[in-house]
């Protein structure tokens, strides 16, 4: 019952997003199932005629910045509901400055009940939200609710990053913010200038994960690659969770062509977001967008990544790139758990509570498995002493 109540909170806010931002063609369907069917029928390969600026509710200003006209409602740290009686089953949360000059901060979530002992501390999930690198916030209602849900149901401590958006701050700014977050966690673990009390009481820093959906999944990949060149100890990143990660390329994949007029992520919107996010003058074969086409050095580096969970759906225009990513990682010896379901669409868990529940279960299973491996390795190391 608790899980269903939490799911309803997440789904209701996500549906507002779908109906006001991405469902650009008016329709008269009255149920969620008919909405899903409409989205899955977008297999026309005719030339798209939509205006991606109107679809995404953005206006580009003369200085190149964006006016974002239709955002999710934000959840403030002072919202009355965050302390209301019926949130006793939800996570507690607070905001912590990361880099005031860049106006970045961290939203930290913890479950209401502390770990039973210091030997049973919780994993830490470092979360990056989606939005094509140009939209939304860590405080946006759907991302906030989803992080709260994960903190309670896994359970875990979840750290959600408010990173800089493009085009005001083009890539690699978001990756820089992600790495700065990892380094902040390392400093907390080392007790540099003091450790946040929630992290000190709740977190096992040897069990850290990077997690994100869509553009957030892309950030997981690139932040993890950068972290390979950094001494993060005592923090150990033991798993990467990429849900429908956001990748593309100059050459159209079959799934992109098949879903050219997709209601969630049509090609004109996809192309626009990449043009606003990538460095000036770069095309979609840049390694930020299409690492599968990168040089041998980057591909060799991919082979050093830790265990990955990659999830996707056959009705997502990005599915072919996601499958290609899995093949490249597996060819380099990375341990990959790949879960690709038939049908669906980009962000299907937004519309379908059963898919949302299935995704959460996949994440929980992956996190639990990775943590058990750490426990086994630690026990084996102690037995040899």
Protein backbone atom coordinates (compact mmCIF):
# COMPACT_ATOMS: atom_id res chain seq x y z
CA UNK A 1 0.00 0.00 0.00
CA UNK A 2 2.82 2.40 0.88
CA UNK A 3 4.52 1.69 -2.43
CA UNK A 4 1.33 2.34 -4.42
CA UNK A 5 0.77 5.64 -2.61
CA UNK A 6 4.30 6.75 -3.42
CA UNK A 7 3.96 5.69 -7.04
CA UNK A 8 0.72 7.68 -7.38
CA UNK A 9 2.54 10.82 -6.21
CA UNK A 10 5.26 10.33 -8.83
CA UNK A 11 2.95 9.36 -11.68
CA UNK A 12 0.50 12.22 -11.16
CA UNK A 13 3.25 14.81 -11.45
CA UNK A 14 4.78 13.06 -14.47
CA UNK A 15 1.45 12.99 -16.28
CA UNK A 16 1.27 16.77 -16.02
CA UNK A 17 4.62 16.92 -17.80
CA UNK A 18 3.48 14.60 -20.58
CA UNK A 19 0.26 16.40 -21.30
CA UNK A 20 1.62 19.95 -21.17
CA UNK A 21 5.07 19.62 -22.73
CA UNK A 22 5.56 16.56 -24.91
CA UNK A 23 2.13 15.60 -26.23
CA UNK A 24 2.22 18.29 -28.87
CA UNK A 25 -0.76 17.11 -30.90
CA UNK A 26 -4.11 17.50 -29.13
CA UNK A 27 -6.05 14.29 -28.72
CA UNK A 28 -9.29 13.18 -27.13
CA UNK A 29 -8.11 9.99 -25.44
CA UNK A 30 -9.51 9.71 -21.94
CA UNK A 31 -7.33 7.01 -20.41
CA UNK A 32 -3.64 6.43 -19.78
CA UNK A 33 -3.75 3.26 -21.87
CA UNK A 34 -5.04 5.09 -24.93
CA UNK A 35 -2.36 7.73 -24.36
CA UNK A 36 0.28 5.01 -24.42
CA UNK A 37 -1.17 3.47 -27.58
CA UNK A 38 -1.11 6.84 -29.31
CA UNK A 39 2.57 7.30 -28.48
CA UNK A 40 3.52 3.82 -29.58
CA UNK A 41 1.86 4.32 -32.95
CA UNK A 42 4.29 7.06 -33.99
CA UNK A 43 6.15 4.97 -36.57
CA UNK A 44 5.67 7.25 -39.56
CA UNK A 45 8.84 8.03 -41.48
CA UNK A 46 7.38 11.10 -43.17
CA UNK A 47 9.23 14.37 -42.77
CA UNK A 48 8.41 15.94 -39.41
CA UNK A 49 6.71 19.32 -39.50
CA UNK A 50 6.63 20.25 -35.83
CA UNK A 51 8.27 23.31 -34.33
CA UNK A 52 10.66 21.91 -31.69
CA UNK A 53 10.83 25.25 -29.85
CA UNK A 54 7.06 25.18 -29.34
CA UNK A 55 7.16 21.50 -28.43
CA UNK A 56 9.77 22.07 -25.73
CA UNK A 57 8.19 25.37 -24.62
CA UNK A 58 11.42 27.31 -25.03
CA UNK A 59 12.35 30.62 -26.66
CA UNK A 60 15.93 31.43 -27.59
CA UNK A 61 16.92 34.95 -26.64
CA UNK A 62 19.22 37.22 -28.70
CA UNK A 63 22.16 36.44 -26.39
CA UNK A 64 21.70 32.70 -26.97
CA UNK A 65 20.14 31.96 -23.60
CA UNK A 66 16.75 30.29 -23.23
CA UNK A 67 13.49 31.41 -21.77
CA UNK A 68 11.93 28.21 -20.46
CA UNK A 69 8.21 28.82 -20.57
CA UNK A 70 6.76 25.65 -19.11
CA UNK A 71 8.66 24.01 -16.30
CA UNK A 72 7.62 21.48 -13.73
CA UNK A 73 6.56 22.92 -10.42
CA UNK A 74 9.53 22.95 -8.09
CA UNK A 75 9.58 21.47 -4.61
CA UNK A 76 11.08 23.94 -2.18
CA UNK A 77 12.87 22.90 0.96
CA UNK A 78 10.30 24.97 2.85
CA UNK A 79 7.24 23.42 1.20
CA UNK A 80 4.59 22.69 3.79
CA UNK A 81 4.09 19.21 2.40
CA UNK A 82 7.68 18.24 3.21
CA UNK A 83 6.72 18.23 6.87
CA UNK A 84 3.08 17.16 6.64
CA UNK A 85 1.85 14.16 8.57
CA UNK A 86 1.37 11.88 5.56
CA UNK A 87 5.01 12.17 4.46
CA UNK A 88 6.21 10.01 7.33
CA UNK A 89 6.74 7.26 4.74
CA UNK A 90 8.68 9.59 2.41
CA UNK A 91 12.30 10.60 2.63
CA UNK A 92 13.59 13.61 4.49
CA UNK A 93 15.50 16.04 2.27
CA UNK A 94 17.65 19.14 2.46
CA UNK A 95 19.70 21.32 0.11
CA UNK A 96 23.46 21.82 0.42
CA UNK A 97 25.48 24.36 -1.65
CA UNK A 98 28.04 22.80 -3.98
CA UNK A 99 29.55 25.67 -5.95
CA UNK A 100 27.91 29.05 -5.21
CA UNK A 101 29.74 30.69 -8.12
CA UNK A 102 28.11 28.23 -10.52
CA UNK A 103 24.83 28.26 -8.57
CA UNK A 104 24.97 24.49 -8.20
CA UNK A 105 23.74 22.62 -5.17
CA UNK A 106 22.94 19.16 -3.90
CA UNK A 107 19.56 17.90 -2.75
CA UNK A 108 20.13 15.14 -0.22
CA UNK A 109 17.49 12.53 0.68
CA UNK A 110 17.51 9.99 3.47
CA UNK A 111 14.92 7.46 4.62
CA UNK A 112 13.07 8.29 7.84
CA UNK A 113 14.60 5.35 9.72
CA UNK A 114 18.38 5.26 10.30
CA UNK A 115 20.43 2.09 9.69
CA UNK A 116 20.21 -0.43 12.55
CA UNK A 117 23.96 -0.26 13.16
CA UNK A 118 27.24 1.04 11.77
CA UNK A 119 27.67 -2.36 10.11
CA UNK A 120 24.50 -1.89 8.09
CA UNK A 121 24.93 1.54 6.56
CA UNK A 122 23.22 2.41 3.30
CA UNK A 123 24.49 2.81 -0.26
CA UNK A 124 24.72 6.29 -1.75
CA UNK A 125 23.08 7.04 -5.11
CA UNK A 126 24.40 10.13 -6.93
CA UNK A 127 21.53 11.14 -9.19
CA UNK A 128 21.50 13.27 -12.37
CA UNK A 129 18.13 14.38 -13.72
CA UNK A 130 17.03 14.28 -17.36
CA UNK A 131 15.89 17.02 -19.72
CA UNK A 132 18.16 16.94 -22.76
CA UNK A 133 20.75 19.02 -20.85
CA UNK A 134 18.58 22.11 -21.40
CA UNK A 135 15.53 21.63 -19.18
CA UNK A 136 14.44 21.01 -15.60
CA UNK A 137 16.02 20.95 -12.18
CA UNK A 138 16.81 18.65 -9.31
CA UNK A 139 13.89 20.38 -7.57
CA UNK A 140 11.42 19.62 -10.37
CA UNK A 141 8.50 17.69 -8.92
CA UNK A 142 8.91 14.39 -10.85
CA UNK A 143 12.65 14.07 -10.15
CA UNK A 144 12.22 15.10 -6.54
CA UNK A 145 9.47 12.54 -5.98
CA UNK A 146 11.41 9.78 -7.74
CA UNK A 147 14.51 10.40 -5.59
CA UNK A 148 12.39 10.39 -2.45
CA UNK A 149 10.84 7.09 -3.53
CA UNK A 150 14.24 5.48 -4.12
CA UNK A 151 15.55 6.63 -0.75
CA UNK A 152 12.66 4.93 1.01
CA UNK A 153 12.23 1.78 -1.08
CA UNK A 154 15.82 0.69 -1.73
CA UNK A 155 16.62 2.01 0.96
CA UNK A 156 19.49 4.39 0.23
CA UNK A 157 20.72 7.91 0.65
CA UNK A 158 20.16 9.76 -2.62
CA UNK A 159 22.12 12.83 -3.66
CA UNK A 160 20.55 14.75 -6.56
CA UNK A 161 22.65 17.35 -8.37
CA UNK A 162 21.40 20.73 -9.49
CA UNK A 163 23.76 21.10 -12.46
CA UNK A 164 24.21 23.90 -14.98
CA UNK A 165 22.01 23.76 -18.07
CA UNK A 166 22.83 24.42 -21.73
CA UNK A 167 22.97 26.50 -23.85
CA UNK A 168 23.93 29.01 -21.15
CA UNK A 169 26.50 26.43 -20.06
CA UNK A 170 27.23 23.99 -22.85
CA UNK A 171 28.75 20.59 -22.31
CA UNK A 172 31.05 19.68 -20.65
CA UNK A 173 29.71 22.01 -17.91
CA UNK A 174 27.23 19.38 -16.67
CA UNK A 175 29.99 16.75 -16.60
CA UNK A 176 32.24 19.15 -14.68
CA UNK A 177 29.47 19.63 -12.12
CA UNK A 178 29.01 15.86 -11.85
CA UNK A 179 32.70 15.29 -11.16
CA UNK A 180 32.72 18.15 -8.66
CA UNK A 181 29.89 16.34 -6.89
CA UNK A 182 31.89 13.12 -6.72
CA UNK A 183 34.82 15.03 -5.29
CA UNK A 184 32.52 16.68 -2.75
CA UNK A 185 31.39 13.22 -1.65
CA UNK A 186 35.03 12.14 -1.37
CA UNK A 187 35.79 15.15 0.84
CA UNK A 188 32.80 14.26 3.01
CA UNK A 189 34.03 10.70 3.35
CA UNK A 190 37.50 11.98 4.33
CA UNK A 191 35.89 14.36 6.84
CA UNK A 192 37.52 17.38 5.22
CA UNK A 193 36.09 20.39 7.07
CA UNK A 194 33.59 18.03 8.65
CA UNK A 195 31.20 15.44 7.26
CA UNK A 196 27.50 16.13 6.81
CA UNK A 197 25.71 14.38 9.73
CA UNK A 198 23.27 12.54 7.43
CA UNK A 199 26.12 11.11 5.39
CA UNK A 200 28.13 10.28 8.48
CA UNK A 201 25.28 8.40 10.13
CA UNK A 202 23.71 6.73 7.10
CA UNK A 203 26.21 6.17 4.28
CA UNK A 204 28.65 3.39 3.47
CA UNK A 205 31.05 5.23 1.15
CA UNK A 206 32.33 1.94 -0.24
CA UNK A 207 28.93 1.45 -1.89
CA UNK A 208 28.32 4.41 -4.17
CA UNK A 209 26.38 4.45 -7.44
CA UNK A 210 25.88 6.93 -10.27
CA UNK A 211 22.29 6.94 -11.55
CA UNK A 212 20.36 8.90 -14.16
CA UNK A 213 17.68 8.72 -16.83
CA UNK A 214 17.91 10.10 -20.39
CA UNK A 215 20.42 12.99 -20.29
CA UNK A 216 21.13 11.96 -16.72
CA UNK A 217 22.12 8.52 -18.01
CA UNK A 218 24.52 10.18 -20.43
CA UNK A 219 26.00 12.09 -17.48
CA UNK A 220 26.45 8.85 -15.55
CA UNK A 221 28.53 7.46 -18.41
CA UNK A 222 30.76 10.49 -18.90
CA UNK A 223 31.17 11.26 -15.20
CA UNK A 224 32.21 7.66 -14.59
CA UNK A 225 34.81 7.87 -17.36
CA UNK A 226 36.26 11.04 -15.84
CA UNK A 227 36.26 9.54 -12.36
CA UNK A 228 38.60 6.80 -13.61
CA UNK A 229 41.37 9.41 -13.68
CA UNK A 230 40.72 10.62 -10.13
CA UNK A 231 41.62 9.19 -6.75
CA UNK A 232 38.15 9.02 -5.21
CA UNK A 233 39.13 6.87 -2.23
CA UNK A 234 37.67 6.15 0.23
CA UNK A 235 34.64 6.56 -2.02
CA UNK A 236 34.09 3.56 -4.28
CA UNK A 237 31.73 3.77 -7.25
CA UNK A 238 30.55 0.18 -7.60
CA UNK A 239 27.70 0.56 -10.09
CA UNK A 240 26.43 2.72 -12.94
CA UNK A 241 22.67 2.89 -13.57
CA UNK A 242 21.64 4.30 -16.96
CA UNK A 243 17.91 4.31 -17.69
CA UNK A 244 17.22 5.06 -21.36
CA UNK A 245 20.52 6.97 -21.67
CA UNK A 246 20.56 9.89 -24.09
CA UNK A 247 22.91 9.25 -27.03
CA UNK A 248 22.64 9.90 -30.76
CA UNK A 249 24.82 10.43 -33.84
CA UNK A 250 24.96 12.09 -37.24
CA UNK A 251 23.80 8.95 -39.02
CA UNK A 252 20.19 8.15 -38.20
CA UNK A 253 19.59 4.82 -36.54
CA UNK A 254 16.72 2.62 -37.65
CA UNK A 255 14.81 3.39 -34.46
CA UNK A 256 15.25 7.14 -34.96
CA UNK A 257 13.91 6.84 -38.48
CA UNK A 258 11.11 4.55 -37.37
CA UNK A 259 9.95 7.00 -34.69
CA UNK A 260 10.72 10.25 -36.49
CA UNK A 261 7.39 11.72 -35.36
CA UNK A 262 7.45 10.22 -31.87
CA UNK A 263 5.25 12.21 -29.49
CA UNK A 264 7.77 12.10 -26.65
CA UNK A 265 11.09 12.59 -28.47
CA UNK A 266 10.62 13.43 -32.17
CA UNK A 267 13.78 13.94 -34.20
CA UNK A 268 13.45 17.74 -34.53
CA UNK A 269 13.34 18.09 -30.73
CA UNK A 270 16.20 15.64 -30.30
CA UNK A 271 18.34 17.50 -32.84
CA UNK A 272 17.54 20.87 -31.29
CA UNK A 273 18.49 19.77 -27.80
CA UNK A 274 21.82 18.40 -29.00
CA UNK A 275 22.53 21.58 -31.00
CA UNK A 276 21.98 23.61 -27.83
CA UNK A 277 23.93 21.26 -25.57
CA UNK A 278 27.05 20.32 -27.53
CA UNK A 279 30.11 22.61 -27.73
CA UNK A 280 29.84 25.30 -30.41
CA UNK A 281 30.63 23.87 -33.83
CA UNK A 282 30.36 20.20 -32.75
CA UNK A 283 28.09 17.74 -34.52
CA UNK A 284 26.28 14.72 -33.13
CA UNK A 285 29.31 12.48 -33.67
CA UNK A 286 31.09 14.34 -30.88
CA UNK A 287 32.06 11.92 -28.11
CA UNK A 288 29.63 13.59 -25.70
CA UNK A 289 26.75 12.53 -27.96
CA UNK A 290 28.15 9.46 -29.74
CA UNK A 291 30.96 7.89 -27.69
CA UNK A 292 30.54 4.68 -29.70
CA UNK A 293 32.14 6.53 -32.64
CA UNK A 294 35.02 7.87 -30.54
CA UNK A 295 38.69 7.03 -31.00
CA UNK A 296 40.40 3.96 -29.62
CA UNK A 297 41.67 5.68 -26.48
CA UNK A 298 38.17 6.47 -25.24
CA UNK A 299 36.94 3.00 -26.09
CA UNK A 300 39.87 1.48 -24.22
CA UNK A 301 38.93 3.62 -21.24
CA UNK A 302 35.35 2.33 -21.41
CA UNK A 303 36.70 -1.11 -20.61
CA UNK A 304 37.72 0.10 -17.17
CA UNK A 305 34.18 1.04 -16.15
CA UNK A 306 32.51 -0.73 -13.25
CA UNK A 307 29.37 -2.88 -13.45
CA UNK A 308 26.51 -1.24 -15.39
CA UNK A 309 22.73 -1.49 -15.53
CA UNK A 310 21.32 -0.22 -18.84
CA UNK A 311 17.55 -0.20 -19.32
CA UNK A 312 15.46 0.72 -22.34
CA UNK A 313 12.26 0.16 -24.32
CA UNK A 314 11.73 -0.81 -27.93
CA UNK A 315 9.42 2.14 -28.61
CA UNK A 316 12.09 4.70 -27.71
CA UNK A 317 13.77 6.42 -30.69
CA UNK A 318 17.05 6.10 -28.75
CA UNK A 319 16.84 2.32 -28.31
CA UNK A 320 19.31 1.45 -31.08
CA UNK A 321 22.00 3.71 -29.61
CA UNK A 322 21.39 2.22 -26.18
CA UNK A 323 21.82 -1.30 -27.56
CA UNK A 324 24.96 -0.17 -29.37
CA UNK A 325 26.37 1.19 -26.11
CA UNK A 326 25.79 -2.16 -24.41
CA UNK A 327 27.58 -4.01 -27.22
CA UNK A 328 30.58 -1.68 -27.06
CA UNK A 329 30.83 -2.04 -23.28
CA UNK A 330 30.46 -5.81 -23.34
CA UNK A 331 33.07 -6.10 -26.11
CA UNK A 332 35.52 -4.40 -23.76
CA UNK A 333 34.80 -6.71 -20.89
CA UNK A 334 32.45 -4.54 -18.85
CA UNK A 335 29.92 -6.41 -16.72
CA UNK A 336 26.60 -5.14 -18.11
CA UNK A 337 23.08 -5.97 -16.99
CA UNK A 338 20.96 -5.00 -20.02
CA UNK A 339 17.18 -4.92 -19.69
CA UNK A 340 15.37 -3.95 -22.89
CA UNK A 341 11.60 -4.39 -22.97
CA UNK A 342 9.35 -4.47 -26.02
CA UNK A 343 7.09 -1.53 -26.87
CA UNK A 344 6.86 1.43 -24.55
CA UNK A 345 8.40 4.82 -25.22
CA UNK A 346 11.00 7.20 -23.88
CA UNK A 347 10.12 7.72 -20.23
CA UNK A 348 7.49 4.97 -20.20
CA UNK A 349 7.69 4.78 -16.40
CA UNK A 350 6.16 8.26 -16.40
CA UNK A 351 2.88 6.95 -17.77
CA UNK A 352 2.67 3.38 -16.58
CA UNK A 353 2.79 2.65 -12.82
CA UNK A 354 3.64 -1.00 -13.49
CA UNK A 355 6.65 0.05 -15.57
CA UNK A 356 7.69 2.47 -12.81
CA UNK A 357 7.47 -0.34 -10.29
CA UNK A 358 9.43 -2.68 -12.57
CA UNK A 359 12.18 -0.08 -13.05
CA UNK A 360 12.49 0.46 -9.32
CA UNK A 361 12.71 -3.28 -8.79
CA UNK A 362 15.47 -3.55 -11.42
CA UNK A 363 17.40 -0.76 -9.71
CA UNK A 364 16.95 -2.34 -6.28
CA UNK A 365 18.05 -5.77 -7.54
CA UNK A 366 21.12 -4.25 -9.19
CA UNK A 367 22.07 -2.21 -6.12
CA UNK A 368 21.55 -5.18 -3.80
CA UNK A 369 23.68 -7.44 -6.02
CA UNK A 370 26.52 -4.93 -6.21
CA UNK A 371 26.44 -4.40 -2.45
CA UNK A 372 26.51 -8.15 -1.78
CA UNK A 373 29.61 -8.42 -3.96
CA UNK A 374 31.31 -5.74 -1.88
CA UNK A 375 30.33 -7.54 1.32
CA UNK A 376 31.68 -10.84 -0.03
CA UNK A 377 34.95 -9.27 -1.10
CA UNK A 378 35.34 -7.57 2.26
CA UNK A 379 34.65 -10.81 4.13
CA UNK A 380 37.14 -12.69 1.95
CA UNK A 381 39.80 -10.05 2.56
CA UNK A 382 39.30 -10.26 6.33
CA UNK A 383 39.51 -14.06 6.27
CA UNK A 384 43.00 -13.89 4.73
CA UNK A 385 44.35 -11.64 7.47
